[in-house]
Amino acid sequence: MKSRIIELAKGNPGAVTVLVELIRINPLLLETLEELNIRGPQIWVAYKDWAKMDMNKLSEGIMTGDPEMIEATK
């Protein structure tokens, strides 16, 4: 799991923090992030800017593949 977090975070410390929390909610969210092609700083942007630092909103956005969240990470 550690190597997966490091790979997804792409060196972004904020992304690491978010990924650790997402694993606590639902480990499958990491796989979904990969499928959505959201990595590194994009994870932090999705959490901070799109979800306004609401982990539940972020996890829901990931699970549903929310188009607004995806657009916000581009």
PDB file of N, CA and C in Angstrom:
ATOM      1  N   MET A   1       0.833  -1.195   0.000  1.00  0.00           N
ATOM      2  CA  MET A   1       0.000   0.000   0.000  1.00  0.00           C
ATOM      3  C   MET A   1       0.879   1.260   0.000  1.00  0.00           C
ATOM      4  N   LYS A   2       1.998   1.198   0.728  1.00  0.00           N
ATOM      5  CA  LYS A   2       2.887   2.358   0.812  1.00  0.00           C
ATOM      6  C   LYS A   2       3.412   2.748  -0.569  1.00  0.00           C
ATOM      7  N   SER A   3       3.831   1.768  -1.345  1.00  0.00           N
ATOM      8  CA  SER A   3       4.370   2.077  -2.673  1.00  0.00           C
ATOM      9  C   SER A   3       3.287   2.641  -3.590  1.00  0.00           C
ATOM     10  N   ARG A   4       2.072   2.190  -3.409  1.00  0.00           N
ATOM     11  CA  ARG A   4       0.957   2.712  -4.211  1.00  0.00           C
ATOM     12  C   ARG A   4       0.691   4.182  -3.887  1.00  0.00           C
ATOM     13  N   ILE A   5       0.746   4.519  -2.596  1.00  0.00           N
ATOM     14  CA  ILE A   5       0.557   5.910  -2.175  1.00  0.00           C
ATOM     15  C   ILE A   5       1.659   6.782  -2.765  1.00  0.00           C
ATOM     16  N   ILE A   6       2.893   6.325  -2.659  1.00  0.00           N
ATOM     17  CA  ILE A   6       4.026   7.092  -3.185  1.00  0.00           C
ATOM     18  C   ILE A   6       3.884   7.300  -4.687  1.00  0.00           C
ATOM     19  N   GLU A   7       3.479   6.250  -5.389  1.00  0.00           N
ATOM     20  CA  GLU A   7       3.302   6.352  -6.837  1.00  0.00           C
ATOM     21  C   GLU A   7       2.205   7.342  -7.200  1.00  0.00           C
ATOM     22  N   LEU A   8       1.069   7.260  -6.524  1.00  0.00           N
ATOM     23  CA  LEU A   8      -0.051   8.163  -6.814  1.00  0.00           C
ATOM     24  C   LEU A   8       0.257   9.606  -6.427  1.00  0.00           C
ATOM     25  N   ALA A   9       0.994   9.797  -5.337  1.00  0.00           N
ATOM     26  CA  ALA A   9       1.262  11.146  -4.835  1.00  0.00           C
ATOM     27  C   ALA A   9       2.240  11.917  -5.719  1.00  0.00           C
ATOM     28  N   LYS A  10       3.071  11.218  -6.475  1.00  0.00           N
ATOM     29  CA  LYS A  10       4.033  11.865  -7.382  1.00  0.00           C
ATOM     30  C   LYS A  10       4.852  12.955  -6.685  1.00  0.00           C
ATOM     31  N   GLY A  11       5.255  12.682  -5.428  1.00  0.00           N
ATOM     32  CA  GLY A  11       6.095  13.621  -4.700  1.00  0.00           C
ATOM     33  C   GLY A  11       5.378  14.778  -4.037  1.00  0.00           C
ATOM     34  N   ASN A  12       4.064  14.806  -4.087  1.00  0.00           N
ATOM     35  CA  ASN A  12       3.306  15.903  -3.495  1.00  0.00           C
ATOM     36  C   ASN A  12       2.906  15.534  -2.063  1.00  0.00           C
ATOM     37  N   PRO A  13       3.443  16.241  -1.049  1.00  0.00           N
ATOM     38  CA  PRO A  13       3.142  15.881   0.341  1.00  0.00           C
ATOM     39  C   PRO A  13       1.660  16.024   0.695  1.00  0.00           C
ATOM     40  N   GLY A  14       0.990  17.008   0.127  1.00  0.00           N
ATOM     41  CA  GLY A  14      -0.440  17.163   0.385  1.00  0.00           C
ATOM     42  C   GLY A  14      -1.219  15.972  -0.130  1.00  0.00           C
ATOM     43  N   ALA A  15      -0.829  15.476  -1.284  1.00  0.00           N
ATOM     44  CA  ALA A  15      -1.488  14.307  -1.863  1.00  0.00           C
ATOM     45  C   ALA A  15      -1.298  13.083  -0.976  1.00  0.00           C
ATOM     46  N   VAL A  16      -0.109  12.941  -0.381  1.00  0.00           N
ATOM     47  CA  VAL A  16       0.133  11.812   0.524  1.00  0.00           C
ATOM     48  C   VAL A  16      -0.848  11.860   1.690  1.00  0.00           C
ATOM     49  N   THR A  17      -1.000  13.022   2.281  1.00  0.00           N
ATOM     50  CA  THR A  17      -1.920  13.190   3.407  1.00  0.00           C
ATOM     51  C   THR A  17      -3.346  12.814   3.011  1.00  0.00           C
ATOM     52  N   VAL A  18      -3.779  13.288   1.858  1.00  0.00           N
ATOM     53  CA  VAL A  18      -5.131  12.993   1.378  1.00  0.00           C
ATOM     54  C   VAL A  18      -5.292  11.498   1.117  1.00  0.00           C
ATOM     55  N   LEU A  19      -4.307  10.892   0.492  1.00  0.00           N
ATOM     56  CA  LEU A  19      -4.396   9.469   0.164  1.00  0.00           C
ATOM     57  C   LEU A  19      -4.481   8.602   1.414  1.00  0.00           C
ATOM     58  N   VAL A  20      -3.726   8.948   2.441  1.00  0.00           N
ATOM     59  CA  VAL A  20      -3.788   8.186   3.695  1.00  0.00           C
ATOM     60  C   VAL A  20      -5.194   8.263   4.288  1.00  0.00           C
ATOM     61  N   GLU A  21      -5.785   9.443   4.255  1.00  0.00           N
ATOM     62  CA  GLU A  21      -7.152   9.588   4.774  1.00  0.00           C
ATOM     63  C   GLU A  21      -8.163   8.826   3.914  1.00  0.00           C
ATOM     64  N   LEU A  22      -7.982   8.875   2.598  1.00  0.00           N
ATOM     65  CA  LEU A  22      -8.896   8.156   1.712  1.00  0.00           C
ATOM     66  C   LEU A  22      -8.853   6.654   1.959  1.00  0.00           C
ATOM     67  N   ILE A  23      -7.671   6.124   2.266  1.00  0.00           N
ATOM     68  CA  ILE A  23      -7.551   4.696   2.557  1.00  0.00           C
ATOM     69  C   ILE A  23      -8.379   4.340   3.776  1.00  0.00           C
ATOM     70  N   ARG A  24      -8.405   5.218   4.755  1.00  0.00           N
ATOM     71  CA  ARG A  24      -9.207   4.971   5.970  1.00  0.00           C
ATOM     72  C   ARG A  24     -10.696   4.924   5.649  1.00  0.00           C
ATOM     73  N   ILE A  25     -11.112   5.725   4.686  1.00  0.00           N
ATOM     74  CA  ILE A  25     -12.528   5.744   4.289  1.00  0.00           C
ATOM     75  C   ILE A  25     -12.859   4.522   3.450  1.00  0.00           C
ATOM     76  N   ASN A  26     -12.036   4.307   2.397  1.00  0.00           N
ATOM     77  CA  ASN A  26     -12.287   3.197   1.482  1.00  0.00           C
ATOM     78  C   ASN A  26     -11.041   2.984   0.623  1.00  0.00           C
ATOM     79  N   PRO A  27     -10.310   1.908   0.865  1.00  0.00           N
ATOM     80  CA  PRO A  27      -9.074   1.666   0.109  1.00  0.00           C
ATOM     81  C   PRO A  27      -9.272   1.602  -1.409  1.00  0.00           C
ATOM     82  N   LEU A  28     -10.463   1.278  -1.847  1.00  0.00           N
ATOM     83  CA  LEU A  28     -10.722   1.190  -3.287  1.00  0.00           C
ATOM     84  C   LEU A  28     -10.721   2.553  -3.970  1.00  0.00           C
ATOM     85  N   LEU A  29     -10.767   3.619  -3.184  1.00  0.00           N
ATOM     86  CA  LEU A  29     -10.737   4.959  -3.767  1.00  0.00           C
ATOM     87  C   LEU A  29      -9.424   5.220  -4.501  1.00  0.00           C
ATOM     88  N   LEU A  30      -8.348   4.593  -4.045  1.00  0.00           N
ATOM     89  CA  LEU A  30      -7.061   4.765  -4.728  1.00  0.00           C
ATOM     90  C   LEU A  30      -7.122   4.199  -6.137  1.00  0.00           C
ATOM     91  N   GLU A  31      -7.736   3.052  -6.272  1.00  0.00           N
ATOM     92  CA  GLU A  31      -7.889   2.447  -7.602  1.00  0.00           C
ATOM     93  C   GLU A  31      -8.734   3.344  -8.502  1.00  0.00           C
ATOM     94  N   THR A  32      -9.780   3.916  -7.935  1.00  0.00           N
ATOM     95  CA  THR A  32     -10.651   4.790  -8.715  1.00  0.00           C
ATOM     96  C   THR A  32      -9.905   6.050  -9.148  1.00  0.00           C
ATOM     97  N   LEU A  33      -9.071   6.614  -8.261  1.00  0.00           N
ATOM     98  CA  LEU A  33      -8.250   7.764  -8.650  1.00  0.00           C
ATOM     99  C   LEU A  33      -7.360   7.421  -9.834  1.00  0.00           C
ATOM    100  N   GLU A  34      -6.778   6.243  -9.805  1.00  0.00           N
ATOM    101  CA  GLU A  34      -5.939   5.806 -10.926  1.00  0.00           C
ATOM    102  C   GLU A  34      -6.764   5.718 -12.207  1.00  0.00           C
ATOM    103  N   GLU A  35      -7.957   5.168 -12.103  1.00  0.00           N
ATOM    104  CA  GLU A  35      -8.823   5.051 -13.278  1.00  0.00           C
ATOM    105  C   GLU A  35      -9.220   6.419 -13.819  1.00  0.00           C
ATOM    106  N   LEU A  36      -9.398   7.384 -12.921  1.00  0.00           N
ATOM    107  CA  LEU A  36      -9.763   8.745 -13.329  1.00  0.00           C
ATOM    108  C   LEU A  36      -8.544   9.541 -13.798  1.00  0.00           C
ATOM    109  N   ASN A  37      -7.357   8.936 -13.664  1.00  0.00           N
ATOM    110  CA  ASN A  37      -6.093   9.569 -14.039  1.00  0.00           C
ATOM    111  C   ASN A  37      -5.839  10.855 -13.248  1.00  0.00           C
ATOM    112  N   ILE A  38      -6.125  10.791 -11.953  1.00  0.00           N
ATOM    113  CA  ILE A  38      -5.882  11.911 -11.050  1.00  0.00           C
ATOM    114  C   ILE A  38      -4.731  11.506 -10.140  1.00  0.00           C
ATOM    115  N   ARG A  39      -3.655  12.280 -10.192  1.00  0.00           N
ATOM    116  CA  ARG A  39      -2.440  11.942  -9.451  1.00  0.00           C
ATOM    117  C   ARG A  39      -1.753  13.208  -8.941  1.00  0.00           C
ATOM    118  N   GLY A  40      -0.847  13.007  -7.976  1.00  0.00           N
ATOM    119  CA  GLY A  40       0.006  14.072  -7.477  1.00  0.00           C
ATOM    120  C   GLY A  40      -0.732  15.333  -7.083  1.00  0.00           C
ATOM    121  N   PRO A  41      -0.293  16.476  -7.607  1.00  0.00           N
ATOM    122  CA  PRO A  41      -0.902  17.744  -7.222  1.00  0.00           C
ATOM    123  C   PRO A  41      -2.398  17.812  -7.570  1.00  0.00           C
ATOM    124  N   GLN A  42      -2.833  17.027  -8.535  1.00  0.00           N
ATOM    125  CA  GLN A  42      -4.262  17.013  -8.879  1.00  0.00           C
ATOM    126  C   GLN A  42      -5.100  16.530  -7.697  1.00  0.00           C
ATOM    127  N   ILE A  43      -4.566  15.585  -6.933  1.00  0.00           N
ATOM    128  CA  ILE A  43      -5.276  15.071  -5.752  1.00  0.00           C
ATOM    129  C   ILE A  43      -5.438  16.191  -4.732  1.00  0.00           C
ATOM    130  N   TRP A  44      -4.357  16.944  -4.520  1.00  0.00           N
ATOM    131  CA  TRP A  44      -4.414  18.047  -3.568  1.00  0.00           C
ATOM    132  C   TRP A  44      -5.387  19.126  -4.037  1.00  0.00           C
ATOM    133  N   VAL A  45      -5.368  19.449  -5.312  1.00  0.00           N
ATOM    134  CA  VAL A  45      -6.296  20.454  -5.862  1.00  0.00           C
ATOM    135  C   VAL A  45      -7.746  19.993  -5.687  1.00  0.00           C
ATOM    136  N   ALA A  46      -8.002  18.734  -5.962  1.00  0.00           N
ATOM    137  CA  ALA A  46      -9.363  18.203  -5.798  1.00  0.00           C
ATOM    138  C   ALA A  46      -9.820  18.333  -4.350  1.00  0.00           C
ATOM    139  N   TYR A  47      -8.923  18.027  -3.424  1.00  0.00           N
ATOM    140  CA  TYR A  47      -9.267  18.100  -1.999  1.00  0.00           C
ATOM    141  C   TYR A  47      -9.415  19.547  -1.528  1.00  0.00           C
ATOM    142  N   LYS A  48      -8.405  20.359  -1.801  1.00  0.00           N
ATOM    143  CA  LYS A  48      -8.376  21.723  -1.263  1.00  0.00           C
ATOM    144  C   LYS A  48      -9.339  22.666  -1.971  1.00  0.00           C
ATOM    145  N   ASP A  49      -9.293  22.676  -3.286  1.00  0.00           N
ATOM    146  CA  ASP A  49     -10.081  23.652  -4.042  1.00  0.00           C
ATOM    147  C   ASP A  49     -11.491  23.167  -4.365  1.00  0.00           C
ATOM    148  N   TRP A  50     -11.601  21.937  -4.858  1.00  0.00           N
ATOM    149  CA  TRP A  50     -12.919  21.455  -5.270  1.00  0.00           C
ATOM    150  C   TRP A  50     -13.762  21.013  -4.077  1.00  0.00           C
ATOM    151  N   ALA A  51     -13.189  20.198  -3.193  1.00  0.00           N
ATOM    152  CA  ALA A  51     -13.954  19.678  -2.056  1.00  0.00           C
ATOM    153  C   ALA A  51     -13.909  20.607  -0.844  1.00  0.00           C
ATOM    154  N   LYS A  52     -13.150  21.685  -0.941  1.00  0.00           N
ATOM    155  CA  LYS A  52     -13.017  22.657   0.157  1.00  0.00           C
ATOM    156  C   LYS A  52     -12.596  21.974   1.457  1.00  0.00           C
ATOM    157  N   MET A  53     -11.649  21.023   1.320  1.00  0.00           N
ATOM    158  CA  MET A  53     -11.058  20.279   2.430  1.00  0.00           C
ATOM    159  C   MET A  53     -12.073  19.413   3.184  1.00  0.00           C
ATOM    160  N   ASP A  54     -13.098  18.981   2.472  1.00  0.00           N
ATOM    161  CA  ASP A  54     -14.114  18.069   3.021  1.00  0.00           C
ATOM    162  C   ASP A  54     -13.833  16.673   2.462  1.00  0.00           C
ATOM    163  N   MET A  55     -13.263  15.812   3.293  1.00  0.00           N
ATOM    164  CA  MET A  55     -12.859  14.487   2.845  1.00  0.00           C
ATOM    165  C   MET A  55     -14.047  13.647   2.377  1.00  0.00           C
ATOM    166  N   ASN A  56     -15.201  13.825   3.019  1.00  0.00           N
ATOM    167  CA  ASN A  56     -16.393  13.080   2.588  1.00  0.00           C
ATOM    168  C   ASN A  56     -16.845  13.506   1.197  1.00  0.00           C
ATOM    169  N   LYS A  57     -16.803  14.816   0.930  1.00  0.00           N
ATOM    170  CA  LYS A  57     -17.166  15.303  -0.400  1.00  0.00           C
ATOM    171  C   LYS A  57     -16.180  14.780  -1.442  1.00  0.00           C
ATOM    172  N   LEU A  58     -14.897  14.794  -1.100  1.00  0.00           N
ATOM    173  CA  LEU A  58     -13.893  14.293  -2.033  1.00  0.00           C
ATOM    174  C   LEU A  58     -14.108  12.814  -2.326  1.00  0.00           C
ATOM    175  N   SER A  59     -14.315  12.022  -1.292  1.00  0.00           N
ATOM    176  CA  SER A  59     -14.492  10.582  -1.513  1.00  0.00           C
ATOM    177  C   SER A  59     -15.739  10.315  -2.354  1.00  0.00           C
ATOM    178  N   GLU A  60     -16.801  11.072  -2.133  1.00  0.00           N
ATOM    179  CA  GLU A  60     -18.014  10.920  -2.936  1.00  0.00           C
ATOM    180  C   GLU A  60     -17.752  11.309  -4.388  1.00  0.00           C
ATOM    181  N   GLY A  61     -17.005  12.399  -4.588  1.00  0.00           N
ATOM    182  CA  GLY A  61     -16.661  12.838  -5.935  1.00  0.00           C
ATOM    183  C   GLY A  61     -15.839  11.795  -6.676  1.00  0.00           C
ATOM    184  N   ILE A  62     -14.931  11.153  -5.948  1.00  0.00           N
ATOM    185  CA  ILE A  62     -14.110  10.105  -6.558  1.00  0.00           C
ATOM    186  C   ILE A  62     -14.985   8.903  -6.915  1.00  0.00           C
ATOM    187  N   MET A  63     -15.821   8.485  -5.975  1.00  0.00           N
ATOM    188  CA  MET A  63     -16.668   7.307  -6.211  1.00  0.00           C
ATOM    189  C   MET A  63     -17.603   7.493  -7.399  1.00  0.00           C
ATOM    190  N   THR A  64     -18.105   8.707  -7.577  1.00  0.00           N
ATOM    191  CA  THR A  64     -19.056   8.952  -8.654  1.00  0.00           C
ATOM    192  C   THR A  64     -18.386   9.445  -9.934  1.00  0.00           C
ATOM    193  N   GLY A  65     -17.079   9.734  -9.848  1.00  0.00           N
ATOM    194  CA  GLY A  65     -16.391  10.279 -11.019  1.00  0.00           C
ATOM    195  C   GLY A  65     -16.964  11.633 -11.399  1.00  0.00           C
ATOM    196  N   ASP A  66     -17.219  12.455 -10.392  1.00  0.00           N
ATOM    197  CA  ASP A  66     -17.850  13.758 -10.599  1.00  0.00           C
ATOM    198  C   ASP A  66     -17.114  14.569 -11.675  1.00  0.00           C
ATOM    199  N   PRO A  67     -17.824  14.927 -12.752  1.00  0.00           N
ATOM    200  CA  PRO A  67     -17.187  15.666 -13.845  1.00  0.00           C
ATOM    201  C   PRO A  67     -16.617  17.020 -13.423  1.00  0.00           C
ATOM    202  N   GLU A  68     -17.263  17.703 -12.477  1.00  0.00           N
ATOM    203  CA  GLU A  68     -16.756  18.995 -12.000  1.00  0.00           C
ATOM    204  C   GLU A  68     -15.444  18.815 -11.265  1.00  0.00           C
ATOM    205  N   MET A  69     -15.335  17.744 -10.490  1.00  0.00           N
ATOM    206  CA  MET A  69     -14.095  17.472  -9.779  1.00  0.00           C
ATOM    207  C   MET A  69     -12.977  17.172 -10.786  1.00  0.00           C
ATOM    208  N   ILE A  70     -13.280  16.359 -11.751  1.00  0.00           N
ATOM    209  CA  ILE A  70     -12.288  16.005 -12.769  1.00  0.00           C
ATOM    210  C   ILE A  70     -11.826  17.249 -13.512  1.00  0.00           C
ATOM    211  N   GLU A  71     -12.752  18.110 -13.881  1.00  0.00           N
ATOM    212  CA  GLU A  71     -12.420  19.345 -14.598  1.00  0.00           C
ATOM    213  C   GLU A  71     -11.560  20.266 -13.719  1.00  0.00           C
ATOM    214  N   ALA A  72     -11.849  20.307 -12.435  1.00  0.00           N
ATOM    215  CA  ALA A  72     -11.107  21.171 -11.512  1.00  0.00           C
ATOM    216  C   ALA A  72      -9.650  20.729 -11.370  1.00  0.00           C
ATOM    217  N   THR A  73      -9.369  19.482 -11.667  1.00  0.00           N
ATOM    218  CA  THR A  73      -8.007  18.966 -11.505  1.00  0.00           C
ATOM    219  C   THR A  73      -7.158  19.116 -12.757  1.00  0.00           C
ATOM    220  N   LYS A  74      -7.725  19.610 -13.828  1.00  0.00           N
ATOM    221  CA  LYS A  74      -6.973  19.762 -15.088  1.00  0.00           C
ATOM    222  C   LYS A  74      -6.111  20.989 -15.091  1.00  0.00           C
TER     223      LYS A  74
END
